[in-house]
C-alpha atoms as a PDB file:
ATOM      1  CA  MET A   1    -128.393  -0.249  43.998  1.00  0.00           C
ATOM      2  CA  PHE A   2    -124.955  -0.290  45.598  1.00  0.00           C
ATOM      3  CA  THR A   3    -123.814   2.324  48.125  1.00  0.00           C
ATOM      4  CA  VAL A   4    -120.217   3.319  47.582  1.00  0.00           C
ATOM      5  CA  LYS A   5    -118.169   4.573  50.522  1.00  0.00           C
ATOM      6  CA  ARG A   6    -115.206   6.392  49.099  1.00  0.00           C
ATOM      7  CA  GLY A   7    -112.034   5.738  51.048  1.00  0.00           C
ATOM      8  CA  ARG A   8    -108.904   7.756  51.224  1.00  0.00           C
ATOM      9  CA  LEU A   9    -107.143   7.789  47.836  1.00  0.00           C
ATOM     10  CA  ALA A  10    -103.439   7.126  48.011  1.00  0.00           C
ATOM     11  CA  ALA A  11    -100.854   8.971  45.986  1.00  0.00           C
ATOM     12  CA  ILE A  12     -97.633   7.047  46.059  1.00  0.00           C
ATOM     13  CA  ALA A  13     -94.195   7.991  44.875  1.00  0.00           C
ATOM     14  CA  ALA A  14     -91.616   5.230  44.556  1.00  0.00           C
ATOM     15  CA  VAL A  15     -88.011   6.228  45.207  1.00  0.00           C
ATOM     16  CA  ALA A  16     -85.353   4.144  43.467  1.00  0.00           C
ATOM     17  CA  VAL A  17     -83.088   3.823  46.492  1.00  0.00           C
ATOM     18  CA  GLY A  18     -84.605   2.517  49.692  1.00  0.00           C
ATOM     19  CA  ALA A  19     -88.029   1.765  48.203  1.00  0.00           C
ATOM     20  CA  VAL A  20     -89.491   4.670  50.163  1.00  0.00           C
ATOM     21  CA  VAL A  21     -93.245   5.011  49.757  1.00  0.00           C
ATOM     22  CA  ALA A  22     -95.035   8.086  51.094  1.00  0.00           C
ATOM     23  CA  LEU A  23     -98.623   9.279  51.168  1.00  0.00           C
ATOM     24  CA  ALA A  24     -98.957  12.791  49.770  1.00  0.00           C
ATOM     25  CA  GLY A  25    -100.206  15.219  52.383  1.00  0.00           C
ATOM     26  CA  CYS A  26     -99.753  12.761  55.236  1.00  0.00           C
ATOM     27  CA  ALA A  27     -97.162  13.130  57.963  1.00  0.00           C
ATOM     28  CA  SER A  28     -96.687   9.388  58.317  1.00  0.00           C
ATOM     29  CA  SER A  29     -94.106   7.605  56.141  1.00  0.00           C
ATOM     30  CA  ASP A  30     -96.510   4.654  55.825  1.00  0.00           C
ATOM     31  CA  PRO A  31     -98.865   5.197  52.865  1.00  0.00           C
ATOM     32  CA  LEU A  32    -101.564   3.004  54.338  1.00  0.00           C
ATOM     33  CA  ASP A  33    -101.256   4.065  57.970  1.00  0.00           C
ATOM     34  CA  THR A  34    -104.382   5.927  59.121  1.00  0.00           C
ATOM     35  CA  GLY A  35    -102.914   6.463  62.568  1.00  0.00           C
ATOM     36  CA  SER A  36    -105.869   4.661  64.161  1.00  0.00           C
ATOM     37  CA  THR A  37    -105.912   1.366  66.003  1.00  0.00           C
ATOM     38  CA  SER A  38    -109.641   1.242  66.787  1.00  0.00           C
ATOM     39  CA  SER A  39    -111.625  -1.988  66.674  1.00  0.00           C
ATOM     40  CA  ALA A  40    -113.640  -0.508  63.803  1.00  0.00           C
ATOM     41  CA  ASP A  41    -110.451  -0.229  61.736  1.00  0.00           C
ATOM     42  CA  SER A  42    -109.639  -3.857  62.502  1.00  0.00           C
ATOM     43  CA  GLN A  43    -112.856  -4.858  60.725  1.00  0.00           C
ATOM     44  CA  THR A  44    -112.221  -2.711  57.658  1.00  0.00           C
ATOM     45  CA  ILE A  45    -111.044  -4.453  54.483  1.00  0.00           C
ATOM     46  CA  VAL A  46    -108.482  -2.461  52.496  1.00  0.00           C
ATOM     47  CA  VAL A  47    -108.957  -2.932  48.750  1.00  0.00           C
ATOM     48  CA  GLY A  48    -106.131  -1.778  46.480  1.00  0.00           C
ATOM     49  CA  SER A  49    -105.569  -1.410  42.752  1.00  0.00           C
ATOM     50  CA  GLN A  50    -102.801  -0.854  40.262  1.00  0.00           C
ATOM     51  CA  ASP A  51    -102.338   2.496  38.572  1.00  0.00           C
ATOM     52  CA  TYR A  52    -104.249   1.062  35.614  1.00  0.00           C
ATOM     53  CA  TYR A  53    -107.833   1.873  34.705  1.00  0.00           C
ATOM     54  CA  SER A  54    -108.924  -1.727  34.105  1.00  0.00           C
ATOM     55  CA  ASN A  55    -107.497  -2.924  37.408  1.00  0.00           C
ATOM     56  CA  GLU A  56    -109.224  -0.065  39.207  1.00  0.00           C
ATOM     57  CA  ILE A  57    -112.573  -1.124  37.708  1.00  0.00           C
ATOM     58  CA  ILE A  58    -112.117  -4.675  39.033  1.00  0.00           C
ATOM     59  CA  ALA A  59    -111.052  -3.351  42.447  1.00  0.00           C
ATOM     60  CA  GLU A  60    -114.157  -1.149  42.528  1.00  0.00           C
ATOM     61  CA  ILE A  61    -116.327  -4.169  41.691  1.00  0.00           C
ATOM     62  CA  TYR A  62    -114.732  -6.031  44.610  1.00  0.00           C
ATOM     63  CA  ALA A  63    -115.254  -3.042  46.917  1.00  0.00           C
ATOM     64  CA  GLN A  64    -118.914  -2.492  46.005  1.00  0.00           C
ATOM     65  CA  ALA A  65    -119.693  -6.203  46.229  1.00  0.00           C
ATOM     66  CA  LEU A  66    -118.173  -6.379  49.715  1.00  0.00           C
ATOM     67  CA  GLU A  67    -120.082  -3.280  50.817  1.00  0.00           C
ATOM     68  CA  ALA A  68    -123.331  -4.715  49.474  1.00  0.00           C
ATOM     69  CA  ASN A  69    -122.762  -7.560  51.924  1.00  0.00           C
ATOM     70  CA  GLY A  70    -122.234  -5.296  54.922  1.00  0.00           C
ATOM     71  CA  ILE A  71    -118.424  -5.264  54.871  1.00  0.00           C
ATOM     72  CA  THR A  72    -116.655  -1.947  55.465  1.00  0.00           C
ATOM     73  CA  VAL A  73    -114.111  -1.094  52.771  1.00  0.00           C
ATOM     74  CA  ASP A  74    -111.227   1.353  52.564  1.00  0.00           C
ATOM     75  CA  ARG A  75    -110.218   2.009  48.939  1.00  0.00           C
ATOM     76  CA  GLN A  76    -106.516   2.449  48.160  1.00  0.00           C
ATOM     77  CA  PHE A  77    -106.583   2.755  44.375  1.00  0.00           C
ATOM     78  CA  ARG A  78    -104.072   3.751  41.701  1.00  0.00           C
ATOM     79  CA  ILE A  79    -101.042   2.985  43.861  1.00  0.00           C
ATOM     80  CA  GLY A  80     -98.567   2.184  41.110  1.00  0.00           C
ATOM     81  CA  GLN A  81     -97.282  -0.837  39.251  1.00  0.00           C
ATOM     82  CA  ARG A  82     -96.380  -4.179  40.787  1.00  0.00           C
ATOM     83  CA  GLU A  83     -92.902  -3.115  41.865  1.00  0.00           C
ATOM     84  CA  VAL A  84     -94.505  -0.453  44.058  1.00  0.00           C
ATOM     85  CA  TYR A  85     -97.614  -2.118  45.449  1.00  0.00           C
ATOM     86  CA  LEU A  86     -96.412  -5.710  45.925  1.00  0.00           C
ATOM     87  CA  PRO A  87     -94.435  -4.859  49.096  1.00  0.00           C
ATOM     88  CA  GLU A  88     -97.611  -3.316  50.519  1.00  0.00           C
ATOM     89  CA  ILE A  89     -99.560  -6.510  49.866  1.00  0.00           C
ATOM     90  CA  THR A  90     -96.873  -8.786  51.286  1.00  0.00           C
ATOM     91  CA  GLY A  91     -96.488  -6.408  54.231  1.00  0.00           C
ATOM     92  CA  GLY A  92    -100.141  -6.795  55.154  1.00  0.00           C
ATOM     93  CA  LYS A  93    -101.147  -3.216  54.346  1.00  0.00           C
ATOM     94  CA  ILE A  94    -103.669  -4.286  51.689  1.00  0.00           C
ATOM     95  CA  ASP A  95    -106.252  -7.027  52.198  1.00  0.00           C
ATOM     96  CA  VAL A  96    -107.731  -7.470  48.712  1.00  0.00           C
ATOM     97  CA  PHE A  97    -106.035  -6.827  45.404  1.00  0.00           C
ATOM     98  CA  PRO A  98    -107.081  -7.825  41.867  1.00  0.00           C
ATOM     99  CA  GLU A  99    -104.113  -9.571  40.300  1.00  0.00           C
ATOM    100  CA  TYR A 100    -103.254 -11.591  37.197  1.00  0.00           C
ATOM    101  CA  THR A 101    -102.083 -15.145  37.729  1.00  0.00           C
ATOM    102  CA  GLY A 102     -99.179 -15.393  35.294  1.00  0.00           C
ATOM    103  CA  SER A 103     -97.714 -11.944  35.789  1.00  0.00           C
ATOM    104  CA  LEU A 104     -97.830 -12.261  39.569  1.00  0.00           C
ATOM    105  CA  LEU A 105     -96.253 -15.710  39.375  1.00  0.00           C
ATOM    106  CA  GLN A 106     -93.378 -14.375  37.278  1.00  0.00           C
ATOM    107  CA  ALA A 107     -92.912 -11.468  39.669  1.00  0.00           C
ATOM    108  CA  LEU A 108     -92.629 -13.803  42.640  1.00  0.00           C
ATOM    109  CA  GLU A 109     -90.712 -16.637  40.967  1.00  0.00           C
ATOM    110  CA  LYS A 110     -88.407 -15.671  38.118  1.00  0.00           C
ATOM    111  CA  THR A 111     -87.820 -19.299  37.127  1.00  0.00           C
ATOM    112  CA  ALA A 112     -91.494 -20.311  37.183  1.00  0.00           C
ATOM    113  CA  ALA A 113     -92.503 -22.882  34.607  1.00  0.00           C
ATOM    114  CA  GLY A 114     -95.941 -21.501  33.792  1.00  0.00           C
ATOM    115  CA  GLY A 115     -98.010 -23.701  31.493  1.00  0.00           C
ATOM    116  CA  THR A 116    -101.785 -23.927  31.282  1.00  0.00           C
ATOM    117  CA  ALA A 117    -104.113 -21.631  33.214  1.00  0.00           C
ATOM    118  CA  ASP A 118    -104.621 -24.373  35.825  1.00  0.00           C
ATOM    119  CA  GLU A 119    -100.894 -25.083  36.109  1.00  0.00           C
ATOM    120  CA  THR A 120    -100.068 -21.400  36.443  1.00  0.00           C
ATOM    121  CA  TYR A 121    -102.664 -20.962  39.188  1.00  0.00           C
ATOM    122  CA  ALA A 122    -101.401 -24.017  41.087  1.00  0.00           C
ATOM    123  CA  GLU A 123     -97.799 -22.804  40.877  1.00  0.00           C
ATOM    124  CA  LEU A 124     -98.834 -19.352  42.071  1.00  0.00           C
ATOM    125  CA  GLU A 125    -100.514 -20.853  45.140  1.00  0.00           C
ATOM    126  CA  LYS A 126     -97.200 -22.475  46.098  1.00  0.00           C
ATOM    127  CA  VAL A 127     -95.030 -19.353  45.874  1.00  0.00           C
ATOM    128  CA  LEU A 128     -97.268 -16.804  47.607  1.00  0.00           C
ATOM    129  CA  PRO A 129     -95.689 -15.258  50.705  1.00  0.00           C
ATOM    130  CA  SER A 130     -96.936 -16.336  54.113  1.00  0.00           C
ATOM    131  CA  GLY A 131    -100.208 -14.691  55.094  1.00  0.00           C
ATOM    132  CA  LEU A 132    -101.508 -14.371  51.542  1.00  0.00           C
ATOM    133  CA  ARG A 133    -103.702 -16.590  49.417  1.00  0.00           C
ATOM    134  CA  VAL A 134    -105.460 -16.429  46.077  1.00  0.00           C
ATOM    135  CA  LEU A 135    -109.194 -16.999  45.812  1.00  0.00           C
ATOM    136  CA  ASP A 136    -110.961 -18.413  42.751  1.00  0.00           C
ATOM    137  CA  ARG A 137    -109.677 -17.155  39.417  1.00  0.00           C
ATOM    138  CA  ALA A 138    -112.038 -15.626  36.894  1.00  0.00           C
ATOM    139  CA  ALA A 139    -112.470 -16.672  33.283  1.00  0.00           C
ATOM    140  CA  ALA A 140    -111.608 -13.032  32.507  1.00  0.00           C
ATOM    141  CA  THR A 141    -108.029 -12.495  31.399  1.00  0.00           C
ATOM    142  CA  ASP A 142    -106.005  -9.394  30.649  1.00  0.00           C
ATOM    143  CA  GLN A 143    -103.098 -11.016  28.901  1.00  0.00           C
ATOM    144  CA  ASN A 144     -99.818  -9.308  28.181  1.00  0.00           C
ATOM    145  CA  SER A 145     -99.161  -9.196  24.457  1.00  0.00           C
ATOM    146  CA  TRP A 146     -96.660  -7.832  21.989  1.00  0.00           C
ATOM    147  CA  THR A 147     -98.793  -5.641  19.770  1.00  0.00           C
ATOM    148  CA  VAL A 148     -98.211  -3.869  16.449  1.00  0.00           C
ATOM    149  CA  THR A 149    -100.345  -1.890  14.044  1.00  0.00           C
ATOM    150  CA  GLN A 150    -102.184  -3.783  11.311  1.00  0.00           C
ATOM    151  CA  ALA A 151    -100.141  -1.909   8.696  1.00  0.00           C
ATOM    152  CA  PHE A 152     -96.872  -2.999  10.332  1.00  0.00           C
ATOM    153  CA  ALA A 153     -98.109  -6.595  10.584  1.00  0.00           C
ATOM    154  CA  ASP A 154     -99.123  -6.604   6.905  1.00  0.00           C
ATOM    155  CA  LYS A 155     -95.811  -5.089   5.810  1.00  0.00           C
ATOM    156  CA  TYR A 156     -93.710  -7.817   7.443  1.00  0.00           C
ATOM    157  CA  ASN A 157     -96.194 -10.702   7.498  1.00  0.00           C
ATOM    158  CA  LEU A 158     -96.342 -10.728  11.302  1.00  0.00           C
ATOM    159  CA  THR A 159     -98.533 -13.309  12.996  1.00  0.00           C
ATOM    160  CA  ASP A 160     -96.768 -14.451  16.163  1.00  0.00           C
ATOM    161  CA  VAL A 161     -93.996 -13.110  18.379  1.00  0.00           C
ATOM    162  CA  ALA A 162     -91.294 -15.141  16.593  1.00  0.00           C
ATOM    163  CA  SER A 163     -92.263 -13.602  13.245  1.00  0.00           C
ATOM    164  CA  LEU A 164     -90.838 -10.278  14.423  1.00  0.00           C
ATOM    165  CA  LYS A 165     -87.594 -11.663  12.996  1.00  0.00           C
ATOM    166  CA  ASN A 166     -89.048 -10.694   9.612  1.00  0.00           C
ATOM    167  CA  VAL A 167     -88.766  -6.992  10.425  1.00  0.00           C
ATOM    168  CA  THR A 168     -85.880  -5.250   8.639  1.00  0.00           C
ATOM    169  CA  GLU A 169     -86.305  -1.739  10.064  1.00  0.00           C
ATOM    170  CA  PRO A 170     -85.288  -0.587  13.564  1.00  0.00           C
ATOM    171  CA  ILE A 171     -87.762  -1.567  16.295  1.00  0.00           C
ATOM    172  CA  THR A 172     -88.412   0.710  19.251  1.00  0.00           C
ATOM    173  CA  VAL A 173     -90.388  -0.840  22.092  1.00  0.00           C
ATOM    174  CA  GLY A 174     -92.861   1.082  24.246  1.00  0.00           C
ATOM    175  CA  GLY A 175     -94.411   0.282  27.598  1.00  0.00           C
ATOM    176  CA  ASN A 176     -94.161   0.909  31.335  1.00  0.00           C
ATOM    177  CA  SER A 177     -90.583   1.494  32.462  1.00  0.00           C
ATOM    178  CA  GLU A 178     -90.751  -1.775  34.418  1.00  0.00           C
ATOM    179  CA  LEU A 179     -91.157  -3.651  31.135  1.00  0.00           C
ATOM    180  CA  GLU A 180     -87.431  -3.345  30.416  1.00  0.00           C
ATOM    181  CA  THR A 181     -86.587  -5.805  33.196  1.00  0.00           C
ATOM    182  CA  ARG A 182     -89.597  -8.117  33.154  1.00  0.00           C
ATOM    183  CA  PRO A 183     -89.166 -11.776  32.084  1.00  0.00           C
ATOM    184  CA  TYR A 184     -91.010 -11.227  28.796  1.00  0.00           C
ATOM    185  CA  GLY A 185     -89.416  -7.856  27.964  1.00  0.00           C
ATOM    186  CA  PRO A 186     -86.892  -6.819  25.295  1.00  0.00           C
ATOM    187  CA  THR A 187     -84.190  -9.061  26.756  1.00  0.00           C
ATOM    188  CA  ALA A 188     -86.451 -12.098  26.313  1.00  0.00           C
ATOM    189  CA  LEU A 189     -87.088 -11.124  22.694  1.00  0.00           C
ATOM    190  CA  LYS A 190     -83.334 -11.154  22.090  1.00  0.00           C
ATOM    191  CA  GLU A 191     -82.551 -14.313  24.052  1.00  0.00           C
ATOM    192  CA  LYS A 192     -85.499 -16.408  22.875  1.00  0.00           C
ATOM    193  CA  TYR A 193     -85.928 -15.239  19.294  1.00  0.00           C
ATOM    194  CA  GLY A 194     -82.819 -13.257  18.361  1.00  0.00           C
ATOM    195  CA  ILE A 195     -84.917 -10.108  17.878  1.00  0.00           C
ATOM    196  CA  ASP A 196     -83.014  -6.879  18.397  1.00  0.00           C
ATOM    197  CA  VAL A 197     -84.654  -3.644  19.467  1.00  0.00           C
ATOM    198  CA  VAL A 198     -82.869  -0.330  19.004  1.00  0.00           C
ATOM    199  CA  GLY A 199     -84.508   1.509  21.854  1.00  0.00           C
ATOM    200  CA  PHE A 200     -87.050   1.553  24.640  1.00  0.00           C
ATOM    201  CA  LYS A 201     -89.549   4.368  25.143  1.00  0.00           C
ATOM    202  CA  PRO A 202     -91.270   4.490  28.544  1.00  0.00           C
ATOM    203  CA  VAL A 203     -94.996   5.177  28.207  1.00  0.00           C
ATOM    204  CA  GLU A 204     -96.446   5.131  31.693  1.00  0.00           C
ATOM    205  CA  ASP A 205    -100.130   4.407  31.131  1.00  0.00           C
ATOM    206  CA  GLY A 206    -100.208   0.616  31.296  1.00  0.00           C
ATOM    207  CA  GLY A 207    -100.843   0.006  27.620  1.00  0.00           C
ATOM    208  CA  GLY A 208    -103.521   2.696  27.542  1.00  0.00           C
ATOM    209  CA  PRO A 209    -104.287   5.568  25.134  1.00  0.00           C
ATOM    210  CA  LEU A 210    -100.795   7.103  25.294  1.00  0.00           C
ATOM    211  CA  THR A 211     -99.180   3.779  24.414  1.00  0.00           C
ATOM    212  CA  VAL A 212    -101.649   3.224  21.593  1.00  0.00           C
ATOM    213  CA  LYS A 213    -101.054   6.748  20.239  1.00  0.00           C
ATOM    214  CA  ALA A 214     -97.285   6.223  20.273  1.00  0.00           C
ATOM    215  CA  LEU A 215     -97.789   2.984  18.328  1.00  0.00           C
ATOM    216  CA  VAL A 216    -100.218   4.439  15.804  1.00  0.00           C
ATOM    217  CA  ASP A 217     -98.055   7.553  15.308  1.00  0.00           C
ATOM    218  CA  GLY A 218     -94.984   5.407  14.645  1.00  0.00           C
ATOM    219  CA  ASP A 219     -93.030   6.672  17.663  1.00  0.00           C
ATOM    220  CA  ILE A 220     -92.717   3.022  18.646  1.00  0.00           C
ATOM    221  CA  GLN A 221     -93.154  -0.080  16.517  1.00  0.00           C
ATOM    222  CA  LEU A 222     -93.869  -2.643  19.237  1.00  0.00           C
ATOM    223  CA  ALA A 223     -95.896  -2.203  22.410  1.00  0.00           C
ATOM    224  CA  ASN A 224     -96.892  -4.218  25.439  1.00  0.00           C
ATOM    225  CA  ILE A 225    -100.693  -3.876  25.411  1.00  0.00           C
ATOM    226  CA  TYR A 226    -103.124  -5.986  27.393  1.00  0.00           C
ATOM    227  CA  THR A 227    -105.508  -8.145  25.412  1.00  0.00           C
ATOM    228  CA  ALA A 228    -108.626  -6.858  27.194  1.00  0.00           C
ATOM    229  CA  SER A 229    -107.935  -3.387  25.811  1.00  0.00           C
ATOM    230  CA  PRO A 230    -110.759  -2.155  23.535  1.00  0.00           C
ATOM    231  CA  ASN A 231    -108.121  -0.197  21.612  1.00  0.00           C
ATOM    232  CA  ILE A 232    -106.869  -3.359  19.917  1.00  0.00           C
ATOM    233  CA  LYS A 233    -110.051  -3.493  17.876  1.00  0.00           C
ATOM    234  CA  SER A 234    -110.900   0.202  17.653  1.00  0.00           C
ATOM    235  CA  ASP A 235    -107.393   1.278  16.567  1.00  0.00           C
ATOM    236  CA  ASN A 236    -106.831  -1.609  14.165  1.00  0.00           C
ATOM    237  CA  LEU A 237    -103.994  -3.225  16.094  1.00  0.00           C
ATOM    238  CA  VAL A 238    -102.699  -6.797  16.073  1.00  0.00           C
ATOM    239  CA  ALA A 239    -101.811  -8.664  19.255  1.00  0.00           C
ATOM    240  CA  LEU A 240     -99.229 -11.176  18.049  1.00  0.00           C
ATOM    241  CA  THR A 241     -99.985 -14.746  19.050  1.00  0.00           C
ATOM    242  CA  ASP A 242     -97.734 -16.399  21.623  1.00  0.00           C
ATOM    243  CA  PRO A 243     -97.547 -20.139  20.875  1.00  0.00           C
ATOM    244  CA  ASP A 244     -94.303 -20.521  22.835  1.00  0.00           C
ATOM    245  CA  GLY A 245     -95.785 -19.233  26.086  1.00  0.00           C
ATOM    246  CA  LEU A 246     -93.546 -16.190  26.487  1.00  0.00           C
ATOM    247  CA  PHE A 247     -96.436 -14.677  28.430  1.00  0.00           C
ATOM    248  CA  PHE A 248     -98.075 -16.822  31.104  1.00  0.00           C
ATOM    249  CA  PRO A 249    -101.897 -17.117  31.310  1.00  0.00           C
ATOM    250  CA  ASP A 250    -103.168 -14.029  33.120  1.00  0.00           C
ATOM    251  CA  ASN A 251    -106.536 -14.793  34.668  1.00  0.00           C
ATOM    252  CA  VAL A 252    -107.942 -12.151  37.001  1.00  0.00           C
ATOM    253  CA  VAL A 253    -107.653 -13.377  40.593  1.00  0.00           C
ATOM    254  CA  PRO A 254    -108.120 -11.778  44.031  1.00  0.00           C
ATOM    255  CA  VAL A 255    -105.044 -11.904  46.243  1.00  0.00           C
ATOM    256  CA  VAL A 256    -106.149 -11.600  49.861  1.00  0.00           C
ATOM    257  CA  SER A 257    -104.750 -11.365  53.367  1.00  0.00           C
ATOM    258  CA  GLU A 258    -105.696 -13.408  56.430  1.00  0.00           C
ATOM    259  CA  LYS A 259    -108.121 -10.625  57.330  1.00  0.00           C
ATOM    260  CA  VAL A 260    -110.452 -11.788  54.567  1.00  0.00           C
ATOM    261  CA  ASP A 261    -112.825 -14.239  56.257  1.00  0.00           C
ATOM    262  CA  ASP A 262    -115.094 -16.877  54.731  1.00  0.00           C
ATOM    263  CA  LYS A 263    -117.927 -14.405  54.184  1.00  0.00           C
ATOM    264  CA  ALA A 264    -115.760 -11.909  52.309  1.00  0.00           C
ATOM    265  CA  ALA A 265    -114.060 -14.695  50.348  1.00  0.00           C
ATOM    266  CA  ALA A 266    -117.442 -16.053  49.229  1.00  0.00           C
ATOM    267  CA  VAL A 267    -118.428 -12.601  47.946  1.00  0.00           C
ATOM    268  CA  LEU A 268    -115.227 -12.264  45.931  1.00  0.00           C
ATOM    269  CA  ASN A 269    -115.521 -15.789  44.569  1.00  0.00           C
ATOM    270  CA  LYS A 270    -119.023 -15.002  43.275  1.00  0.00           C
ATOM    271  CA  VAL A 271    -117.578 -12.022  41.417  1.00  0.00           C
ATOM    272  CA  SER A 272    -114.841 -14.179  39.887  1.00  0.00           C
ATOM    273  CA  ALA A 273    -117.356 -16.805  38.804  1.00  0.00           C
ATOM    274  CA  ALA A 274    -119.377 -14.182  36.937  1.00  0.00           C
ATOM    275  CA  LEU A 275    -116.582 -12.116  35.350  1.00  0.00           C
ATOM    276  CA  SER A 276    -115.960 -13.275  31.772  1.00  0.00           C
ATOM    277  CA  ALA A 277    -113.314 -12.257  29.260  1.00  0.00           C
ATOM    278  CA  GLU A 278    -115.992 -10.523  27.187  1.00  0.00           C
ATOM    279  CA  ASP A 279    -117.206  -8.641  30.270  1.00  0.00           C
ATOM    280  CA  LEU A 280    -113.757  -7.247  30.922  1.00  0.00           C
ATOM    281  CA  VAL A 281    -113.345  -5.928  27.386  1.00  0.00           C
ATOM    282  CA  SER A 282    -116.776  -4.282  27.636  1.00  0.00           C
ATOM    283  CA  LEU A 283    -115.989  -2.754  31.026  1.00  0.00           C
ATOM    284  CA  ASN A 284    -112.733  -1.368  29.672  1.00  0.00           C
ATOM    285  CA  ALA A 285    -114.550   0.088  26.673  1.00  0.00           C
ATOM    286  CA  GLU A 286    -116.897   1.954  29.017  1.00  0.00           C
ATOM    287  CA  SER A 287    -113.842   3.562  30.575  1.00  0.00           C
ATOM    288  CA  VAL A 288    -111.836   4.279  27.425  1.00  0.00           C
ATOM    289  CA  ASN A 289    -114.617   5.124  24.977  1.00  0.00           C
ATOM    290  CA  ASP A 290    -117.453   6.367  27.181  1.00  0.00           C
ATOM    291  CA  GLN A 291    -115.228   8.015  29.814  1.00  0.00           C
ATOM    292  CA  LYS A 292    -117.281   6.569  32.674  1.00  0.00           C
ATOM    293  CA  SER A 293    -115.846   6.411  36.172  1.00  0.00           C
ATOM    294  CA  ALA A 294    -114.757   3.120  37.711  1.00  0.00           C
ATOM    295  CA  LYS A 295    -117.476   3.642  40.337  1.00  0.00           C
ATOM    296  CA  ALA A 296    -120.240   3.888  37.713  1.00  0.00           C
ATOM    297  CA  ILE A 297    -118.891   1.028  35.599  1.00  0.00           C
ATOM    298  CA  ALA A 298    -118.658  -1.311  38.592  1.00  0.00           C
ATOM    299  CA  ALA A 299    -122.155  -0.440  39.830  1.00  0.00           C
ATOM    300  CA  GLY A 300    -123.617  -1.069  36.379  1.00  0.00           C
ATOM    301  CA  TRP A 301    -121.936  -4.459  36.013  1.00  0.00           C
ATOM    302  CA  LEU A 302    -122.966  -5.627  39.486  1.00  0.00           C
ATOM    303  CA  GLU A 303    -126.558  -4.590  38.859  1.00  0.00           C
ATOM    304  CA  GLN A 304    -126.596  -6.397  35.511  1.00  0.00           C
ATOM    305  CA  ALA A 305    -124.964  -9.510  36.975  1.00  0.00           C
ATOM    306  CA  LYS A 306    -127.534  -9.612  39.822  1.00  0.00           C
ATOM    307  CA  LEU A 307    -125.032 -11.196  42.155  1.00  0.00           C
ATOM    308  CA  PHE A 308    -126.236  -9.692  45.455  1.00  0.00           C
END
């Protein structure tokens, strides 16, 4: 059984000008500043997560695994999308963060070549800021995809991203607001395939239930949904194939600071070695369909995996 020590939850608001990040209810302007400089704090590993249920589950697995090995953890979960949390990682405020190889690579290097999973990982290692490194990547992936309903796919004979050129009705895209400017967003659809979209509808739940509902209801025709989402199967959706590599391979990988020593790294690498693509879909289903907490889902997986 794993004992979970619940750290201070961070509530972060990103301001467009100045990139100001503040912790709600805290006098300090630094969201991860506890105001303490004790030696105990220096031994605490800060584990963060995106504002995305699946990423929080992985972060909770990391946190519980570290705690099971006697390592003190401070949880800083649900702290926004990459544009918000990446400065906190590079600034040394977060020590462990579950990331995705291809998406992180594209965020750090706009002209990255990508390629196979191995090539993407190797390129990511080269562009990481000083003081950060990636540990072993998992077989589990949570791939970006352009997704449509089965009915829409059948109507226009859609199979891959390029086949969206078959669509003769207006296409409205839905996804996180950051999607508009990402390398695989609407601009890439136009530049790479000549596909026009008539509008963009921000749906700020990381491809979750709100995005799926907007797609199923016809409010949007094309959505950025992650391939580990259980909704793809349960809501009869189609993730269009990507033979041209518009999206880079997105294996789950821990990004860590210099504070993560060999012992902690070995714990996280054991998690990565055990986490499969099928596991991640199942874990996500427990969240979406069974409404279990990340804490309960992580504890159940670690117990089943018998890692520690």
